[in-house]
N, C-alpha and C. Protein backbone atom coordinates (compact mmCIF):
# COMPACT_ATOMS: atom_id res chain seq x y z
N MET A 1 -19.13 -15.96 6.99
CA MET A 1 -17.85 -15.15 6.52
C MET A 1 -18.45 -13.66 6.95
N SER A 2 -17.76 -12.88 7.81
CA SER A 2 -17.99 -11.61 7.66
C SER A 2 -16.93 -10.92 6.63
N ILE A 3 -17.71 -9.74 5.97
CA ILE A 3 -16.77 -8.94 5.07
C ILE A 3 -17.19 -7.47 5.22
N LYS A 4 -16.07 -6.64 5.10
CA LYS A 4 -16.06 -5.26 5.42
C LYS A 4 -15.40 -4.70 4.58
N ARG A 5 -15.88 -3.73 3.89
CA ARG A 5 -15.13 -2.82 2.94
C ARG A 5 -14.89 -1.41 3.40
N TYR A 6 -13.57 -0.97 2.89
CA TYR A 6 -13.20 0.21 3.46
C TYR A 6 -12.92 1.16 2.14
N GLY A 7 -13.74 2.36 2.12
CA GLY A 7 -13.69 3.14 1.07
C GLY A 7 -14.04 2.32 -0.13
N MET A 8 -15.17 2.13 -0.61
CA MET A 8 -15.66 1.40 -1.82
C MET A 8 -15.75 2.13 -3.02
N GLU A 9 -15.08 3.56 -2.90
CA GLU A 9 -14.77 4.28 -4.40
C GLU A 9 -13.40 4.05 -4.57
N GLY A 10 -12.73 3.05 -3.46
CA GLY A 10 -11.34 3.25 -4.06
C GLY A 10 -10.33 4.48 -3.95
N GLY A 11 -11.16 5.32 -3.36
CA GLY A 11 -9.99 6.61 -3.25
C GLY A 11 -10.49 7.48 -4.38
N LYS A 12 -9.38 8.52 -4.71
CA LYS A 12 -9.19 9.16 -5.88
C LYS A 12 -8.18 8.99 -6.58
N GLY A 13 -8.58 9.12 -7.93
CA GLY A 13 -7.12 9.10 -8.60
C GLY A 13 -6.82 10.21 -9.38
N THR A 14 -5.80 10.24 -10.27
CA THR A 14 -5.61 11.41 -10.67
C THR A 14 -6.43 12.22 -11.12
N GLY A 15 -6.47 13.61 -10.70
CA GLY A 15 -7.54 14.34 -11.27
C GLY A 15 -8.84 14.45 -10.30
N GLY A 16 -8.65 13.58 -9.28
CA GLY A 16 -10.12 13.57 -8.64
C GLY A 16 -11.19 12.49 -8.61
N GLN A 17 -10.65 11.61 -9.78
CA GLN A 17 -11.66 10.61 -10.55
C GLN A 17 -11.69 9.63 -9.18
N HIS A 18 -12.98 9.09 -9.48
CA HIS A 18 -13.27 7.98 -8.16
C HIS A 18 -13.20 6.81 -8.99
N LEU A 19 -12.27 5.73 -8.21
CA LEU A 19 -11.90 4.61 -8.84
C LEU A 19 -12.70 3.55 -8.28
N PRO A 20 -12.69 2.42 -9.30
CA PRO A 20 -13.96 1.51 -9.17
C PRO A 20 -13.40 0.08 -8.51
N PHE A 21 -13.08 0.59 -7.12
CA PHE A 21 -12.55 -0.78 -6.13
C PHE A 21 -12.44 -0.02 -4.71
N SER A 22 -12.47 -1.21 -3.75
CA SER A 22 -12.19 -0.83 -2.37
C SER A 22 -11.11 -0.63 -2.11
N ARG A 23 -10.79 0.46 -1.13
CA ARG A 23 -9.31 0.79 -0.73
C ARG A 23 -8.77 -0.57 -0.03
N ALA A 24 -9.47 -1.37 0.54
CA ALA A 24 -9.43 -2.50 1.61
C ALA A 24 -10.74 -3.35 1.64
N VAL A 25 -10.42 -4.55 1.82
CA VAL A 25 -11.62 -5.40 2.08
C VAL A 25 -10.96 -6.55 3.35
N GLU A 26 -11.73 -6.56 4.31
CA GLU A 26 -11.72 -7.27 5.59
C GLU A 26 -12.57 -8.43 5.39
N ALA A 27 -12.18 -9.77 5.65
CA ALA A 27 -12.75 -11.16 5.97
C ALA A 27 -12.06 -12.01 6.72
N ASP A 28 -12.91 -12.24 7.90
CA ASP A 28 -12.58 -13.09 9.04
C ASP A 28 -11.07 -12.74 9.49
N GLY A 29 -10.67 -11.58 9.61
CA GLY A 29 -9.34 -11.36 10.08
C GLY A 29 -8.59 -10.86 8.99
N TRP A 30 -8.55 -11.31 8.12
CA TRP A 30 -7.67 -11.28 6.59
C TRP A 30 -8.05 -9.74 6.22
N LEU A 31 -7.06 -8.72 5.99
CA LEU A 31 -7.08 -7.33 5.39
C LEU A 31 -6.43 -7.47 4.30
N TYR A 32 -6.96 -7.03 3.04
CA TYR A 32 -6.55 -6.94 1.55
C TYR A 32 -6.25 -5.55 1.21
N VAL A 33 -5.46 -4.98 1.18
CA VAL A 33 -5.22 -3.29 0.88
C VAL A 33 -4.94 -3.41 -0.65
N SER A 34 -5.45 -2.43 -1.35
CA SER A 34 -5.28 -2.27 -2.67
C SER A 34 -4.20 -1.57 -2.75
N GLY A 35 -3.59 -1.52 -3.92
CA GLY A 35 -2.18 -1.02 -4.48
C GLY A 35 -2.45 0.65 -3.79
N GLN A 36 -1.49 1.03 -3.52
CA GLN A 36 -1.28 2.34 -2.95
C GLN A 36 0.01 3.10 -3.55
N VAL A 37 -0.23 4.29 -4.48
CA VAL A 37 0.68 4.83 -5.03
C VAL A 37 0.92 6.19 -4.17
N PRO A 38 2.07 6.84 -4.44
CA PRO A 38 2.48 8.09 -3.63
C PRO A 38 1.75 9.45 -3.95
N MET A 39 0.44 9.16 -3.67
CA MET A 39 -0.61 10.34 -3.69
C MET A 39 -1.16 10.96 -2.72
N VAL A 40 -1.26 12.31 -2.82
CA VAL A 40 -2.03 13.19 -1.48
C VAL A 40 -2.97 13.85 -2.49
N SER A 41 -4.23 13.81 -1.98
CA SER A 41 -5.29 14.61 -2.38
C SER A 41 -5.58 14.43 -3.98
N GLY A 42 -5.23 13.24 -4.41
CA GLY A 42 -5.75 12.67 -5.86
C GLY A 42 -4.35 13.34 -6.70
N GLU A 43 -3.31 13.51 -6.36
CA GLU A 43 -2.09 14.26 -7.12
C GLU A 43 -0.85 13.38 -6.58
N VAL A 44 -0.10 12.64 -7.37
CA VAL A 44 1.19 12.23 -7.29
C VAL A 44 2.10 13.42 -6.61
N VAL A 45 2.87 12.82 -5.62
CA VAL A 45 3.75 13.80 -4.86
C VAL A 45 5.04 13.75 -5.82
N SER A 46 5.54 14.88 -5.90
CA SER A 46 7.01 14.72 -6.79
C SER A 46 8.14 14.59 -5.76
N GLY A 47 9.05 13.99 -6.54
CA GLY A 47 10.19 13.50 -5.98
C GLY A 47 10.97 12.29 -6.22
N ASN A 48 12.16 12.00 -5.75
CA ASN A 48 12.53 10.58 -5.87
C ASN A 48 11.78 9.33 -5.23
N ILE A 49 12.65 8.30 -5.42
CA ILE A 49 12.08 7.16 -5.17
C ILE A 49 12.05 7.12 -3.66
N VAL A 50 12.60 7.64 -2.69
CA VAL A 50 12.71 7.77 -1.44
C VAL A 50 11.28 8.51 -0.93
N THR A 51 11.29 9.73 -1.47
CA THR A 51 9.76 10.55 -1.00
C THR A 51 8.89 9.67 -1.70
N GLN A 52 8.62 9.13 -2.72
CA GLN A 52 7.51 8.77 -3.07
C GLN A 52 7.15 7.31 -2.52
N SER A 53 8.56 6.63 -1.98
CA SER A 53 8.13 5.17 -1.64
C SER A 53 7.52 5.68 -0.06
N ARG A 54 8.31 6.52 0.55
CA ARG A 54 7.50 7.09 1.91
C ARG A 54 5.85 7.30 1.86
N GLN A 55 5.84 7.92 0.91
CA GLN A 55 4.11 8.57 0.83
C GLN A 55 3.33 7.22 0.38
N ALA A 56 3.83 6.30 -0.46
CA ALA A 56 3.13 5.12 -0.81
C ALA A 56 2.80 4.43 0.61
N ILE A 57 3.97 4.02 1.07
CA ILE A 57 3.77 3.45 2.37
C ILE A 57 2.78 4.29 3.67
N GLN A 58 3.10 5.43 3.81
CA GLN A 58 2.15 6.08 4.80
C GLN A 58 0.90 5.91 4.27
N ASN A 59 0.56 6.01 3.08
CA ASN A 59 -1.05 5.53 2.39
C ASN A 59 -1.46 4.37 2.83
N LEU A 60 -0.43 3.24 2.81
CA LEU A 60 -1.07 1.98 3.10
C LEU A 60 -1.30 1.75 4.62
N LEU A 61 -0.11 2.47 5.45
CA LEU A 61 -0.53 2.43 6.95
C LEU A 61 -1.81 3.22 7.40
N SER A 62 -2.11 4.20 6.64
CA SER A 62 -3.24 5.17 6.88
C SER A 62 -4.46 3.92 6.72
N ILE A 63 -4.66 3.27 6.00
CA ILE A 63 -5.55 2.37 5.62
C ILE A 63 -5.66 1.17 6.49
N LEU A 64 -4.66 0.86 6.98
CA LEU A 64 -4.22 -0.52 7.91
C LEU A 64 -4.98 0.03 9.16
N GLU A 65 -4.25 1.33 9.49
CA GLU A 65 -4.68 2.02 11.12
C GLU A 65 -6.23 2.12 10.58
N GLU A 66 -6.72 2.71 9.96
CA GLU A 66 -8.45 2.99 9.84
C GLU A 66 -9.16 1.71 10.23
N ALA A 67 -8.48 0.52 9.50
CA ALA A 67 -9.00 -0.87 9.77
C ALA A 67 -8.90 -1.64 11.23
N GLY A 68 -7.77 -0.93 11.94
CA GLY A 68 -7.45 -1.33 13.25
C GLY A 68 -6.51 -2.42 13.28
N TYR A 69 -5.52 -2.28 12.11
CA TYR A 69 -4.39 -3.03 12.02
C TYR A 69 -3.08 -2.20 12.16
N GLY A 70 -1.96 -2.74 12.33
CA GLY A 70 -0.62 -2.07 12.12
C GLY A 70 0.32 -2.77 11.32
N PRO A 71 1.55 -2.20 11.46
CA PRO A 71 2.63 -2.82 10.10
C PRO A 71 2.80 -4.39 10.74
N GLU A 72 2.64 -4.54 12.25
CA GLU A 72 2.97 -5.86 12.44
C GLU A 72 2.10 -7.08 12.17
N HIS A 73 0.91 -6.62 11.66
CA HIS A 73 0.15 -7.52 10.99
C HIS A 73 0.15 -7.95 9.48
N VAL A 74 1.11 -7.14 8.99
CA VAL A 74 1.26 -7.42 7.73
C VAL A 74 1.99 -8.90 7.30
N VAL A 75 1.36 -9.54 6.65
CA VAL A 75 2.03 -10.93 6.21
C VAL A 75 2.57 -10.87 4.83
N ARG A 76 2.30 -10.22 3.98
CA ARG A 76 2.60 -10.18 2.52
C ARG A 76 2.45 -8.72 1.98
N CYS A 77 3.65 -8.23 1.44
CA CYS A 77 3.23 -6.90 0.35
C CYS A 77 3.91 -7.43 -0.90
N GLY A 78 3.24 -6.74 -1.98
CA GLY A 78 3.62 -6.83 -3.29
C GLY A 78 3.93 -5.43 -3.84
N VAL A 79 5.20 -5.35 -4.35
CA VAL A 79 5.93 -4.02 -4.73
C VAL A 79 5.95 -3.83 -6.09
N TRP A 80 5.48 -2.76 -6.84
CA TRP A 80 5.85 -2.44 -8.26
C TRP A 80 6.50 -1.15 -8.37
N LEU A 81 8.01 -1.46 -9.03
CA LEU A 81 8.66 -0.34 -9.21
C LEU A 81 9.04 -0.10 -10.65
N GLU A 82 9.07 1.16 -10.87
CA GLU A 82 9.22 1.72 -12.40
C GLU A 82 10.70 1.52 -12.77
N ASP A 83 11.58 1.58 -12.01
CA ASP A 83 13.00 1.35 -12.53
C ASP A 83 13.71 0.65 -11.24
N ALA A 84 14.39 -0.51 -11.95
CA ALA A 84 14.95 -1.52 -11.17
C ALA A 84 16.24 -0.90 -10.36
N ARG A 85 16.71 0.10 -10.87
CA ARG A 85 17.74 0.81 -10.03
C ARG A 85 17.38 1.51 -8.71
N ASP A 86 15.87 1.74 -8.48
CA ASP A 86 15.54 2.02 -7.16
C ASP A 86 15.34 1.02 -6.24
N PHE A 87 15.51 -0.26 -6.47
CA PHE A 87 15.40 -1.34 -5.49
C PHE A 87 16.07 -1.06 -4.23
N THR A 88 17.21 -0.83 -4.14
CA THR A 88 18.21 -0.53 -3.16
C THR A 88 17.37 0.68 -2.26
N SER A 89 17.47 1.45 -2.87
CA SER A 89 16.52 2.56 -2.21
C SER A 89 15.29 2.51 -1.62
N PHE A 90 14.31 1.74 -2.23
CA PHE A 90 13.01 1.25 -1.82
C PHE A 90 13.35 0.50 -0.59
N ASN A 91 14.24 -0.41 -0.48
CA ASN A 91 14.63 -1.33 0.26
C ASN A 91 15.09 -0.44 1.80
N THR A 92 15.57 0.41 1.55
CA THR A 92 16.11 1.13 2.93
C THR A 92 14.92 1.81 3.45
N VAL A 93 13.79 2.37 2.59
CA VAL A 93 12.50 2.94 2.97
C VAL A 93 11.56 1.92 3.76
N PHE A 94 11.64 0.71 3.06
CA PHE A 94 10.46 -0.11 3.55
C PHE A 94 11.21 -0.76 4.93
N LYS A 95 12.31 -0.80 4.93
CA LYS A 95 13.03 -1.42 6.28
C LYS A 95 12.61 -0.29 7.45
N GLU A 96 12.51 1.17 7.29
CA GLU A 96 12.07 1.82 8.21
C GLU A 96 10.74 1.56 8.62
N TYR A 97 9.81 1.17 7.78
CA TYR A 97 8.42 0.91 8.25
C TYR A 97 8.45 -0.48 8.77
N PHE A 98 9.02 -1.45 8.20
CA PHE A 98 8.72 -2.67 8.34
C PHE A 98 9.89 -3.49 9.14
N GLY A 99 10.84 -3.10 9.23
CA GLY A 99 12.24 -3.72 9.80
C GLY A 99 11.88 -4.49 10.94
N ALA A 100 11.08 -4.19 11.76
CA ALA A 100 10.82 -4.96 13.21
C ALA A 100 9.96 -6.27 12.96
N HIS A 101 8.96 -6.00 11.81
CA HIS A 101 8.04 -7.18 11.59
C HIS A 101 8.19 -7.30 10.09
N PRO A 102 9.25 -7.90 9.44
CA PRO A 102 9.07 -7.85 7.87
C PRO A 102 8.38 -9.04 7.36
N PRO A 103 7.18 -8.47 6.66
CA PRO A 103 6.57 -9.66 5.81
C PRO A 103 7.32 -10.18 4.69
N ALA A 104 6.60 -11.20 4.27
CA ALA A 104 7.12 -11.90 3.08
C ALA A 104 6.63 -10.66 1.71
N ARG A 105 7.50 -10.87 0.90
CA ARG A 105 7.18 -9.56 -0.33
C ARG A 105 7.60 -10.06 -1.64
N ALA A 106 7.07 -9.59 -2.56
CA ALA A 106 7.43 -9.85 -3.79
C ALA A 106 7.65 -8.54 -4.51
N CYS A 107 8.44 -8.05 -5.58
CA CYS A 107 8.75 -6.91 -5.80
C CYS A 107 9.25 -7.04 -7.63
N VAL A 108 8.45 -6.63 -8.10
CA VAL A 108 8.54 -6.56 -9.64
C VAL A 108 8.81 -5.22 -10.24
N VAL A 109 9.52 -5.05 -11.43
CA VAL A 109 9.55 -3.73 -12.61
C VAL A 109 8.47 -3.84 -13.56
N CYS A 110 7.79 -2.75 -13.47
CA CYS A 110 6.98 -2.56 -14.72
C CYS A 110 6.51 -1.16 -14.90
N SER A 111 6.00 -1.16 -16.07
CA SER A 111 5.45 0.16 -16.56
C SER A 111 4.12 0.31 -15.62
N MET A 112 4.32 1.79 -14.85
CA MET A 112 3.26 2.14 -14.17
C MET A 112 2.27 2.65 -14.84
N VAL A 113 0.71 2.32 -14.31
CA VAL A 113 -0.44 3.27 -14.90
C VAL A 113 -0.44 4.57 -14.45
N VAL A 114 -0.25 5.00 -13.30
CA VAL A 114 0.07 6.08 -12.74
C VAL A 114 1.24 6.71 -12.88
N ASP A 115 1.81 7.96 -13.11
CA ASP A 115 2.97 8.56 -13.59
C ASP A 115 3.64 8.68 -11.83
N CYS A 116 4.15 7.42 -11.34
CA CYS A 116 4.86 7.37 -10.47
C CYS A 116 5.86 6.20 -10.40
N LYS A 117 6.88 6.19 -9.42
CA LYS A 117 7.90 5.35 -9.43
C LYS A 117 7.57 4.03 -8.67
N VAL A 118 6.42 4.10 -7.89
CA VAL A 118 6.34 2.75 -6.93
C VAL A 118 5.04 2.70 -6.89
N GLU A 119 4.44 1.39 -6.59
CA GLU A 119 2.91 1.17 -6.03
C GLU A 119 3.36 -0.11 -5.01
N ILE A 120 2.51 -0.08 -3.90
CA ILE A 120 2.42 -0.79 -2.70
C ILE A 120 1.54 -1.65 -2.49
N ASP A 121 0.94 -3.11 -2.28
CA ASP A 121 -0.05 -3.42 -1.81
C ASP A 121 0.27 -4.18 -0.60
N CYS A 122 -0.61 -4.67 0.39
CA CYS A 122 -0.64 -5.81 1.13
C CYS A 122 -1.81 -6.57 1.72
N VAL A 123 -1.44 -7.64 2.24
CA VAL A 123 -2.45 -8.60 3.01
C VAL A 123 -1.93 -8.65 4.29
N ALA A 124 -2.85 -8.30 5.27
CA ALA A 124 -2.57 -8.38 6.82
C ALA A 124 -3.71 -9.24 7.43
N TYR A 125 -3.10 -9.81 8.76
CA TYR A 125 -3.92 -10.75 9.37
C TYR A 125 -3.87 -10.56 10.96
N LYS A 126 -5.09 -10.44 11.33
CA LYS A 126 -5.28 -10.19 12.88
C LYS A 126 -6.32 -11.01 13.18
N ALA A 127 -6.08 -11.99 14.13
CA ALA A 127 -7.31 -12.94 14.91
C ALA A 127 -8.30 -12.29 15.20
N PRO A 128 -9.56 -12.56 14.76
CA PRO A 128 -10.87 -11.81 15.09
C PRO A 128 -11.28 -12.16 16.17
N LEU A 129 -11.81 -11.18 16.71
CA LEU A 129 -12.17 -11.13 18.26
C LEU A 129 -13.64 -12.11 18.55
N VAL A 130 -13.43 -12.95 19.28
CA VAL A 130 -14.34 -14.16 19.68
C VAL A 130 -15.51 -13.71 20.75
């Protein structure tokens, strides 16, 4: 089995702290992307659920692209929302990015570790080159 790690420090959290996990890990065509929140340069972007959802998904897609994957390779997403009332608005944004290739998905409401409205992770698959 071949394993490749992307951003082994996990990126930067609030205040620029290094996080103790990989942003993504690839193994035999599978890419596991860690949860992405609406951060830019270690700071949560301000705004409503639409603004924050777009940023979190763009962060996720940037990691996919870095690893050579695209939204069409995403087979499953996990979504955490701070407020259940944001579900419909989040779905509208999610469809903008994944409407042509909707993955399987779970969505739960929870108290967030970071002061934001949404977090999203994914698993992607692309057949390895032989």
